[in-house]
Amino acid sequence: MTSSPKRPLTVSLDPADIDRIEAAVASGDFTSASEVVEAALSLWAGTNTDRDFDRRLKAAYDKGKASGPPRELRLPDLLRDLKSAG
């Protein structure tokens, strides 16, 4: 995967956030403040993906609950139905 050229961006942060970024770089965990921000954005993107999955899972659960009472399902019957549908 190739990455796009990086562009500069100026942001204003609280002193506590700046201290955390500088501490992460000073500890050697990151080589630059940009790397810290990139890691944070990556985690944030993952959180958004997780939230989207949770929303879709809840919608599927709600749809299943609304479809009526549960019924017994036997594996051979399921496999037969899948083969005939496919």
PDB file of N, CA and C in Angstrom:
ATOM      1  N   MET A   1       0.852  -1.171   0.000  1.00  0.00           N
ATOM      2  CA  MET A   1       0.000   0.000   0.000  1.00  0.00           C
ATOM      3  C   MET A   1       0.897   1.233   0.000  1.00  0.00           C
ATOM      4  N   THR A   2       0.677   2.105  -0.932  1.00  0.00           N
ATOM      5  CA  THR A   2       1.472   3.329  -0.990  1.00  0.00           C
ATOM      6  C   THR A   2       0.728   4.432  -0.260  1.00  0.00           C
ATOM      7  N   SER A   3       1.487   5.314   0.357  1.00  0.00           N
ATOM      8  CA  SER A   3       0.845   6.408   1.077  1.00  0.00           C
ATOM      9  C   SER A   3       0.960   7.691   0.268  1.00  0.00           C
ATOM     10  N   SER A   4       0.029   8.567   0.501  1.00  0.00           N
ATOM     11  CA  SER A   4       0.042   9.867  -0.169  1.00  0.00           C
ATOM     12  C   SER A   4       1.120  10.739   0.453  1.00  0.00           C
ATOM     13  N   PRO A   5       1.600  11.719  -0.292  1.00  0.00           N
ATOM     14  CA  PRO A   5       2.566  12.646   0.296  1.00  0.00           C
ATOM     15  C   PRO A   5       1.937  13.345   1.499  1.00  0.00           C
ATOM     16  N   LYS A   6       2.748  13.573   2.502  1.00  0.00           N
ATOM     17  CA  LYS A   6       2.239  14.222   3.709  1.00  0.00           C
ATOM     18  C   LYS A   6       2.153  15.723   3.498  1.00  0.00           C
ATOM     19  N   ARG A   7       1.139  16.319   4.121  1.00  0.00           N
ATOM     20  CA  ARG A   7       0.947  17.765   4.062  1.00  0.00           C
ATOM     21  C   ARG A   7       0.980  18.313   5.476  1.00  0.00           C
ATOM     22  N   PRO A   8       1.505  19.496   5.644  1.00  0.00           N
ATOM     23  CA  PRO A   8       1.530  20.087   6.987  1.00  0.00           C
ATOM     24  C   PRO A   8       0.135  20.529   7.426  1.00  0.00           C
ATOM     25  N   LEU A   9      -0.082  20.473   8.737  1.00  0.00           N
ATOM     26  CA  LEU A   9      -1.343  20.908   9.326  1.00  0.00           C
ATOM     27  C   LEU A   9      -1.025  21.487  10.698  1.00  0.00           C
ATOM     28  N   THR A  10      -1.533  22.653  10.968  1.00  0.00           N
ATOM     29  CA  THR A  10      -1.314  23.286  12.262  1.00  0.00           C
ATOM     30  C   THR A  10      -2.561  23.106  13.114  1.00  0.00           C
ATOM     31  N   VAL A  11      -2.378  22.622  14.341  1.00  0.00           N
ATOM     32  CA  VAL A  11      -3.493  22.447  15.270  1.00  0.00           C
ATOM     33  C   VAL A  11      -3.129  23.069  16.612  1.00  0.00           C
ATOM     34  N   SER A  12      -4.137  23.423  17.371  1.00  0.00           N
ATOM     35  CA  SER A  12      -3.935  23.941  18.727  1.00  0.00           C
ATOM     36  C   SER A  12      -4.390  22.881  19.716  1.00  0.00           C
ATOM     37  N   LEU A  13      -3.526  22.577  20.684  1.00  0.00           N
ATOM     38  CA  LEU A  13      -3.831  21.546  21.672  1.00  0.00           C
ATOM     39  C   LEU A  13      -3.700  22.110  23.076  1.00  0.00           C
ATOM     40  N   ASP A  14      -4.394  21.468  24.001  1.00  0.00           N
ATOM     41  CA  ASP A  14      -4.231  21.815  25.411  1.00  0.00           C
ATOM     42  C   ASP A  14      -2.811  21.460  25.843  1.00  0.00           C
ATOM     43  N   PRO A  15      -2.269  22.187  26.810  1.00  0.00           N
ATOM     44  CA  PRO A  15      -0.924  21.878  27.296  1.00  0.00           C
ATOM     45  C   PRO A  15      -0.772  20.422  27.758  1.00  0.00           C
ATOM     46  N   ALA A  16      -1.814  19.867  28.370  1.00  0.00           N
ATOM     47  CA  ALA A  16      -1.731  18.473  28.832  1.00  0.00           C
ATOM     48  C   ALA A  16      -1.571  17.512  27.656  1.00  0.00           C
ATOM     49  N   ASP A  17      -2.263  17.784  26.550  1.00  0.00           N
ATOM     50  CA  ASP A  17      -2.133  16.936  25.365  1.00  0.00           C
ATOM     51  C   ASP A  17      -0.736  17.063  24.763  1.00  0.00           C
ATOM     52  N   ILE A  18      -0.225  18.277  24.733  1.00  0.00           N
ATOM     53  CA  ILE A  18       1.133  18.494  24.219  1.00  0.00           C
ATOM     54  C   ILE A  18       2.136  17.751  25.089  1.00  0.00           C
ATOM     55  N   ASP A  19       1.952  17.809  26.411  1.00  0.00           N
ATOM     56  CA  ASP A  19       2.847  17.090  27.322  1.00  0.00           C
ATOM     57  C   ASP A  19       2.811  15.587  27.054  1.00  0.00           C
ATOM     58  N   ARG A  20       1.624  15.044  26.809  1.00  0.00           N
ATOM     59  CA  ARG A  20       1.511  13.602  26.530  1.00  0.00           C
ATOM     60  C   ARG A  20       2.215  13.240  25.230  1.00  0.00           C
ATOM     61  N   ILE A  21       2.056  14.062  24.222  1.00  0.00           N
ATOM     62  CA  ILE A  21       2.728  13.806  22.943  1.00  0.00           C
ATOM     63  C   ILE A  21       4.238  13.859  23.128  1.00  0.00           C
ATOM     64  N   GLU A  22       4.711  14.893  23.805  1.00  0.00           N
ATOM     65  CA  GLU A  22       6.154  15.029  24.023  1.00  0.00           C
ATOM     66  C   GLU A  22       6.697  13.881  24.865  1.00  0.00           C
ATOM     67  N   ALA A  23       5.931  13.419  25.847  1.00  0.00           N
ATOM     68  CA  ALA A  23       6.364  12.290  26.678  1.00  0.00           C
ATOM     69  C   ALA A  23       6.436  11.006  25.854  1.00  0.00           C
ATOM     70  N   ALA A  24       5.494  10.826  24.944  1.00  0.00           N
ATOM     71  CA  ALA A  24       5.511   9.631  24.093  1.00  0.00           C
ATOM     72  C   ALA A  24       6.744   9.615  23.202  1.00  0.00           C
ATOM     73  N   VAL A  25       7.123  10.777  22.689  1.00  0.00           N
ATOM     74  CA  VAL A  25       8.327  10.878  21.853  1.00  0.00           C
ATOM     75  C   VAL A  25       9.569  10.696  22.720  1.00  0.00           C
ATOM     76  N   ALA A  26       9.602  11.348  23.884  1.00  0.00           N
ATOM     77  CA  ALA A  26      10.769  11.260  24.773  1.00  0.00           C
ATOM     78  C   ALA A  26      11.000   9.832  25.263  1.00  0.00           C
ATOM     79  N   SER A  27       9.918   9.060  25.412  1.00  0.00           N
ATOM     80  CA  SER A  27      10.056   7.680  25.889  1.00  0.00           C
ATOM     81  C   SER A  27      10.659   6.766  24.833  1.00  0.00           C
ATOM     82  N   GLY A  28      10.672   7.235  23.598  1.00  0.00           N
ATOM     83  CA  GLY A  28      11.184   6.415  22.508  1.00  0.00           C
ATOM     84  C   GLY A  28      10.117   5.564  21.837  1.00  0.00           C
ATOM     85  N   ASP A  29       8.885   5.647  22.337  1.00  0.00           N
ATOM     86  CA  ASP A  29       7.799   4.880  21.716  1.00  0.00           C
ATOM     87  C   ASP A  29       7.469   5.400  20.320  1.00  0.00           C
ATOM     88  N   PHE A  30       7.717   6.686  20.090  1.00  0.00           N
ATOM     89  CA  PHE A  30       7.464   7.318  18.801  1.00  0.00           C
ATOM     90  C   PHE A  30       8.666   8.175  18.438  1.00  0.00           C
ATOM     91  N   THR A  31       8.854   8.369  17.144  1.00  0.00           N
ATOM     92  CA  THR A  31      10.003   9.167  16.705  1.00  0.00           C
ATOM     93  C   THR A  31       9.671  10.639  16.522  1.00  0.00           C
ATOM     94  N   SER A  32       8.371  10.963  16.470  1.00  0.00           N
ATOM     95  CA  SER A  32       7.980  12.355  16.258  1.00  0.00           C
ATOM     96  C   SER A  32       6.556  12.578  16.742  1.00  0.00           C
ATOM     97  N   ALA A  33       6.213  13.843  16.910  1.00  0.00           N
ATOM     98  CA  ALA A  33       4.841  14.196  17.276  1.00  0.00           C
ATOM     99  C   ALA A  33       3.870  13.759  16.175  1.00  0.00           C
ATOM    100  N   SER A  34       4.308  13.855  14.933  1.00  0.00           N
ATOM    101  CA  SER A  34       3.449  13.425  13.820  1.00  0.00           C
ATOM    102  C   SER A  34       3.113  11.946  13.932  1.00  0.00           C
ATOM    103  N   GLU A  35       4.088  11.152  14.336  1.00  0.00           N
ATOM    104  CA  GLU A  35       3.860   9.715  14.475  1.00  0.00           C
ATOM    105  C   GLU A  35       2.845   9.437  15.591  1.00  0.00           C
ATOM    106  N   VAL A  36       2.916  10.197  16.676  1.00  0.00           N
ATOM    107  CA  VAL A  36       1.949  10.051  17.770  1.00  0.00           C
ATOM    108  C   VAL A  36       0.545  10.365  17.260  1.00  0.00           C
ATOM    109  N   VAL A  37       0.413  11.453  16.538  1.00  0.00           N
ATOM    110  CA  VAL A  37      -0.895  11.859  16.021  1.00  0.00           C
ATOM    111  C   VAL A  37      -1.414  10.830  15.021  1.00  0.00           C
ATOM    112  N   GLU A  38      -0.550  10.309  14.160  1.00  0.00           N
ATOM    113  CA  GLU A  38      -0.970   9.282  13.200  1.00  0.00           C
ATOM    114  C   GLU A  38      -1.478   8.043  13.925  1.00  0.00           C
ATOM    115  N   ALA A  39      -0.789   7.629  14.999  1.00  0.00           N
ATOM    116  CA  ALA A  39      -1.231   6.466  15.771  1.00  0.00           C
ATOM    117  C   ALA A  39      -2.583   6.738  16.427  1.00  0.00           C
ATOM    118  N   ALA A  40      -2.750   7.936  16.970  1.00  0.00           N
ATOM    119  CA  ALA A  40      -4.019   8.294  17.601  1.00  0.00           C
ATOM    120  C   ALA A  40      -5.153   8.301  16.579  1.00  0.00           C
ATOM    121  N   LEU A  41      -4.891   8.828  15.395  1.00  0.00           N
ATOM    122  CA  LEU A  41      -5.919   8.848  14.347  1.00  0.00           C
ATOM    123  C   LEU A  41      -6.270   7.439  13.890  1.00  0.00           C
ATOM    124  N   SER A  42      -5.279   6.578  13.829  1.00  0.00           N
ATOM    125  CA  SER A  42      -5.521   5.189  13.448  1.00  0.00           C
ATOM    126  C   SER A  42      -6.426   4.503  14.473  1.00  0.00           C
ATOM    127  N   LEU A  43      -6.149   4.721  15.757  1.00  0.00           N
ATOM    128  CA  LEU A  43      -7.008   4.161  16.808  1.00  0.00           C
ATOM    129  C   LEU A  43      -8.417   4.724  16.720  1.00  0.00           C
ATOM    130  N   TRP A  44      -8.521   6.016  16.476  1.00  0.00           N
ATOM    131  CA  TRP A  44      -9.824   6.659  16.357  1.00  0.00           C
ATOM    132  C   TRP A  44     -10.617   6.066  15.185  1.00  0.00           C
ATOM    133  N   ALA A  45      -9.934   5.856  14.067  1.00  0.00           N
ATOM    134  CA  ALA A  45     -10.603   5.271  12.899  1.00  0.00           C
ATOM    135  C   ALA A  45     -11.101   3.868  13.230  1.00  0.00           C
ATOM    136  N   GLY A  46     -10.299   3.105  13.962  1.00  0.00           N
ATOM    137  CA  GLY A  46     -10.723   1.767  14.377  1.00  0.00           C
ATOM    138  C   GLY A  46     -11.928   1.811  15.288  1.00  0.00           C
ATOM    139  N   THR A  47     -11.973   2.790  16.174  1.00  0.00           N
ATOM    140  CA  THR A  47     -13.112   2.951  17.071  1.00  0.00           C
ATOM    141  C   THR A  47     -14.370   3.249  16.271  1.00  0.00           C
ATOM    142  N   ASN A  48     -14.251   4.090  15.258  1.00  0.00           N
ATOM    143  CA  ASN A  48     -15.411   4.393  14.414  1.00  0.00           C
ATOM    144  C   ASN A  48     -15.878   3.155  13.671  1.00  0.00           C
ATOM    145  N   THR A  49     -14.930   2.336  13.211  1.00  0.00           N
ATOM    146  CA  THR A  49     -15.285   1.089  12.535  1.00  0.00           C
ATOM    147  C   THR A  49     -16.013   0.167  13.503  1.00  0.00           C
ATOM    148  N   ASP A  50     -15.521   0.098  14.743  1.00  0.00           N
ATOM    149  CA  ASP A  50     -16.171  -0.732  15.754  1.00  0.00           C
ATOM    150  C   ASP A  50     -17.586  -0.239  16.039  1.00  0.00           C
ATOM    151  N   ARG A  51     -17.758   1.073  16.118  1.00  0.00           N
ATOM    152  CA  ARG A  51     -19.095   1.626  16.363  1.00  0.00           C
ATOM    153  C   ARG A  51     -20.039   1.286  15.217  1.00  0.00           C
ATOM    154  N   ASP A  52     -19.541   1.363  13.987  1.00  0.00           N
ATOM    155  CA  ASP A  52     -20.364   1.027  12.831  1.00  0.00           C
ATOM    156  C   ASP A  52     -20.769  -0.442  12.892  1.00  0.00           C
ATOM    157  N   PHE A  53     -19.811  -1.311  13.241  1.00  0.00           N
ATOM    158  CA  PHE A  53     -20.118  -2.737  13.373  1.00  0.00           C
ATOM    159  C   PHE A  53     -21.165  -2.950  14.458  1.00  0.00           C
ATOM    160  N   ASP A  54     -21.005  -2.281  15.605  1.00  0.00           N
ATOM    161  CA  ASP A  54     -21.973  -2.409  16.696  1.00  0.00           C
ATOM    162  C   ASP A  54     -23.368  -1.974  16.255  1.00  0.00           C
ATOM    163  N   ARG A  55     -23.448  -0.885  15.489  1.00  0.00           N
ATOM    164  CA  ARG A  55     -24.753  -0.420  14.990  1.00  0.00           C
ATOM    165  C   ARG A  55     -25.378  -1.460  14.053  1.00  0.00           C
ATOM    166  N   ARG A  56     -24.555  -2.008  13.154  1.00  0.00           N
ATOM    167  CA  ARG A  56     -25.088  -3.004  12.217  1.00  0.00           C
ATOM    168  C   ARG A  56     -25.501  -4.281  12.944  1.00  0.00           C
ATOM    169  N   LEU A  57     -24.716  -4.687  13.944  1.00  0.00           N
ATOM    170  CA  LEU A  57     -25.048  -5.880  14.719  1.00  0.00           C
ATOM    171  C   LEU A  57     -26.351  -5.674  15.483  1.00  0.00           C
ATOM    172  N   LYS A  58     -26.510  -4.506  16.105  1.00  0.00           N
ATOM    173  CA  LYS A  58     -27.741  -4.217  16.837  1.00  0.00           C
ATOM    174  C   LYS A  58     -28.940  -4.206  15.895  1.00  0.00           C
ATOM    175  N   ALA A  59     -28.773  -3.632  14.712  1.00  0.00           N
ATOM    176  CA  ALA A  59     -29.874  -3.605  13.741  1.00  0.00           C
ATOM    177  C   ALA A  59     -30.256  -5.024  13.322  1.00  0.00           C
ATOM    178  N   ALA A  60     -29.257  -5.885  13.108  1.00  0.00           N
ATOM    179  CA  ALA A  60     -29.538  -7.274  12.730  1.00  0.00           C
ATOM    180  C   ALA A  60     -30.230  -8.013  13.875  1.00  0.00           C
ATOM    181  N   TYR A  61     -29.780  -7.760  15.098  1.00  0.00           N
ATOM    182  CA  TYR A  61     -30.408  -8.378  16.269  1.00  0.00           C
ATOM    183  C   TYR A  61     -31.861  -7.934  16.379  1.00  0.00           C
ATOM    184  N   ASP A  62     -32.098  -6.626  16.262  1.00  0.00           N
ATOM    185  CA  ASP A  62     -33.459  -6.098  16.353  1.00  0.00           C
ATOM    186  C   ASP A  62     -34.346  -6.679  15.257  1.00  0.00           C
ATOM    187  N   LYS A  63     -33.797  -6.808  14.051  1.00  0.00           N
ATOM    188  CA  LYS A  63     -34.562  -7.387  12.940  1.00  0.00           C
ATOM    189  C   LYS A  63     -34.911  -8.843  13.245  1.00  0.00           C
ATOM    190  N   GLY A  64     -33.954  -9.566  13.792  1.00  0.00           N
ATOM    191  CA  GLY A  64     -34.207 -10.959  14.152  1.00  0.00           C
ATOM    192  C   GLY A  64     -35.274 -11.083  15.230  1.00  0.00           C
ATOM    193  N   LYS A  65     -35.189 -10.238  16.252  1.00  0.00           N
ATOM    194  CA  LYS A  65     -36.185 -10.271  17.327  1.00  0.00           C
ATOM    195  C   LYS A  65     -37.573  -9.931  16.788  1.00  0.00           C
ATOM    196  N   ALA A  66     -37.639  -8.995  15.847  1.00  0.00           N
ATOM    197  CA  ALA A  66     -38.924  -8.566  15.302  1.00  0.00           C
ATOM    198  C   ALA A  66     -39.513  -9.591  14.331  1.00  0.00           C
ATOM    199  N   SER A  67     -38.709 -10.547  13.897  1.00  0.00           N
ATOM    200  CA  SER A  67     -39.183 -11.507  12.895  1.00  0.00           C
ATOM    201  C   SER A  67     -40.067 -12.597  13.489  1.00  0.00           C
ATOM    202  N   GLY A  68     -40.213 -12.608  14.789  1.00  0.00           N
ATOM    203  CA  GLY A  68     -41.095 -13.589  15.411  1.00  0.00           C
ATOM    204  C   GLY A  68     -40.356 -14.486  16.375  1.00  0.00           C
ATOM    205  N   PRO A  69     -41.084 -15.455  16.910  1.00  0.00           N
ATOM    206  CA  PRO A  69     -40.472 -16.338  17.901  1.00  0.00           C
ATOM    207  C   PRO A  69     -39.395 -17.219  17.262  1.00  0.00           C
ATOM    208  N   PRO A  70     -38.426 -17.632  18.065  1.00  0.00           N
ATOM    209  CA  PRO A  70     -37.374 -18.495  17.520  1.00  0.00           C
ATOM    210  C   PRO A  70     -37.944 -19.850  17.134  1.00  0.00           C
ATOM    211  N   ARG A  71     -37.274 -20.491  16.206  1.00  0.00           N
ATOM    212  CA  ARG A  71     -37.684 -21.844  15.824  1.00  0.00           C
ATOM    213  C   ARG A  71     -36.460 -22.739  15.870  1.00  0.00           C
ATOM    214  N   GLU A  72     -36.720 -24.013  16.055  1.00  0.00           N
ATOM    215  CA  GLU A  72     -35.626 -24.977  16.124  1.00  0.00           C
ATOM    216  C   GLU A  72     -34.960 -25.079  14.754  1.00  0.00           C
ATOM    217  N   LEU A  73     -33.658 -25.139  14.768  1.00  0.00           N
ATOM    218  CA  LEU A  73     -32.900 -25.240  13.527  1.00  0.00           C
ATOM    219  C   LEU A  73     -31.912 -26.386  13.668  1.00  0.00           C
ATOM    220  N   ARG A  74     -32.020 -27.334  12.764  1.00  0.00           N
ATOM    221  CA  ARG A  74     -31.091 -28.469  12.778  1.00  0.00           C
ATOM    222  C   ARG A  74     -30.064 -28.251  11.677  1.00  0.00           C
ATOM    223  N   LEU A  75     -28.816 -28.587  11.967  1.00  0.00           N
ATOM    224  CA  LEU A  75     -27.723 -28.359  11.028  1.00  0.00           C
ATOM    225  C   LEU A  75     -27.965 -29.024   9.675  1.00  0.00           C
ATOM    226  N   PRO A  76     -28.390 -30.284   9.618  1.00  0.00           N
ATOM    227  CA  PRO A  76     -28.626 -30.879   8.289  1.00  0.00           C
ATOM    228  C   PRO A  76     -29.654 -30.102   7.465  1.00  0.00           C
ATOM    229  N   ASP A  77     -30.697 -29.614   8.140  1.00  0.00           N
ATOM    230  CA  ASP A  77     -31.711 -28.829   7.424  1.00  0.00           C
ATOM    231  C   ASP A  77     -31.129 -27.513   6.918  1.00  0.00           C
ATOM    232  N   LEU A  78     -30.318 -26.870   7.748  1.00  0.00           N
ATOM    233  CA  LEU A  78     -29.683 -25.618   7.344  1.00  0.00           C
ATOM    234  C   LEU A  78     -28.781 -25.837   6.140  1.00  0.00           C
ATOM    235  N   LEU A  79     -27.962 -26.878   6.184  1.00  0.00           N
ATOM    236  CA  LEU A  79     -27.053 -27.161   5.067  1.00  0.00           C
ATOM    237  C   LEU A  79     -27.828 -27.462   3.789  1.00  0.00           C
ATOM    238  N   ARG A  80     -28.914 -28.220   3.911  1.00  0.00           N
ATOM    239  CA  ARG A  80     -29.747 -28.527   2.745  1.00  0.00           C
ATOM    240  C   ARG A  80     -30.335 -27.247   2.160  1.00  0.00           C
ATOM    241  N   ASP A  81     -30.842 -26.371   3.023  1.00  0.00           N
ATOM    242  CA  ASP A  81     -31.432 -25.115   2.554  1.00  0.00           C
ATOM    243  C   ASP A  81     -30.386 -24.226   1.881  1.00  0.00           C
ATOM    244  N   LEU A  82     -29.187 -24.190   2.447  1.00  0.00           N
ATOM    245  CA  LEU A  82     -28.120 -23.382   1.854  1.00  0.00           C
ATOM    246  C   LEU A  82     -27.716 -23.914   0.482  1.00  0.00           C
ATOM    247  N   LYS A  83     -27.624 -25.236   0.359  1.00  0.00           N
ATOM    248  CA  LYS A  83     -27.255 -25.832  -0.933  1.00  0.00           C
ATOM    249  C   LYS A  83     -28.326 -25.575  -1.984  1.00  0.00           C
ATOM    250  N   SER A  84     -29.573 -25.662  -1.594  1.00  0.00           N
ATOM    251  CA  SER A  84     -30.647 -25.467  -2.575  1.00  0.00           C
ATOM    252  C   SER A  84     -30.792 -23.995  -2.968  1.00  0.00           C
ATOM    253  N   ALA A  85     -30.369 -23.093  -2.097  1.00  0.00           N
ATOM    254  CA  ALA A  85     -30.466 -21.664  -2.402  1.00  0.00           C
ATOM    255  C   ALA A  85     -29.308 -21.188  -3.262  1.00  0.00           C
ATOM    256  N   GLY A  86     -28.224 -21.949  -3.263  1.00  0.00           N
ATOM    257  CA  GLY A  86     -27.037 -21.416  -3.837  1.00  0.00           C
ATOM    258  C   GLY A  86     -26.595 -21.738  -5.146  1.00  0.00           C
TER     259      GLY A  86
END
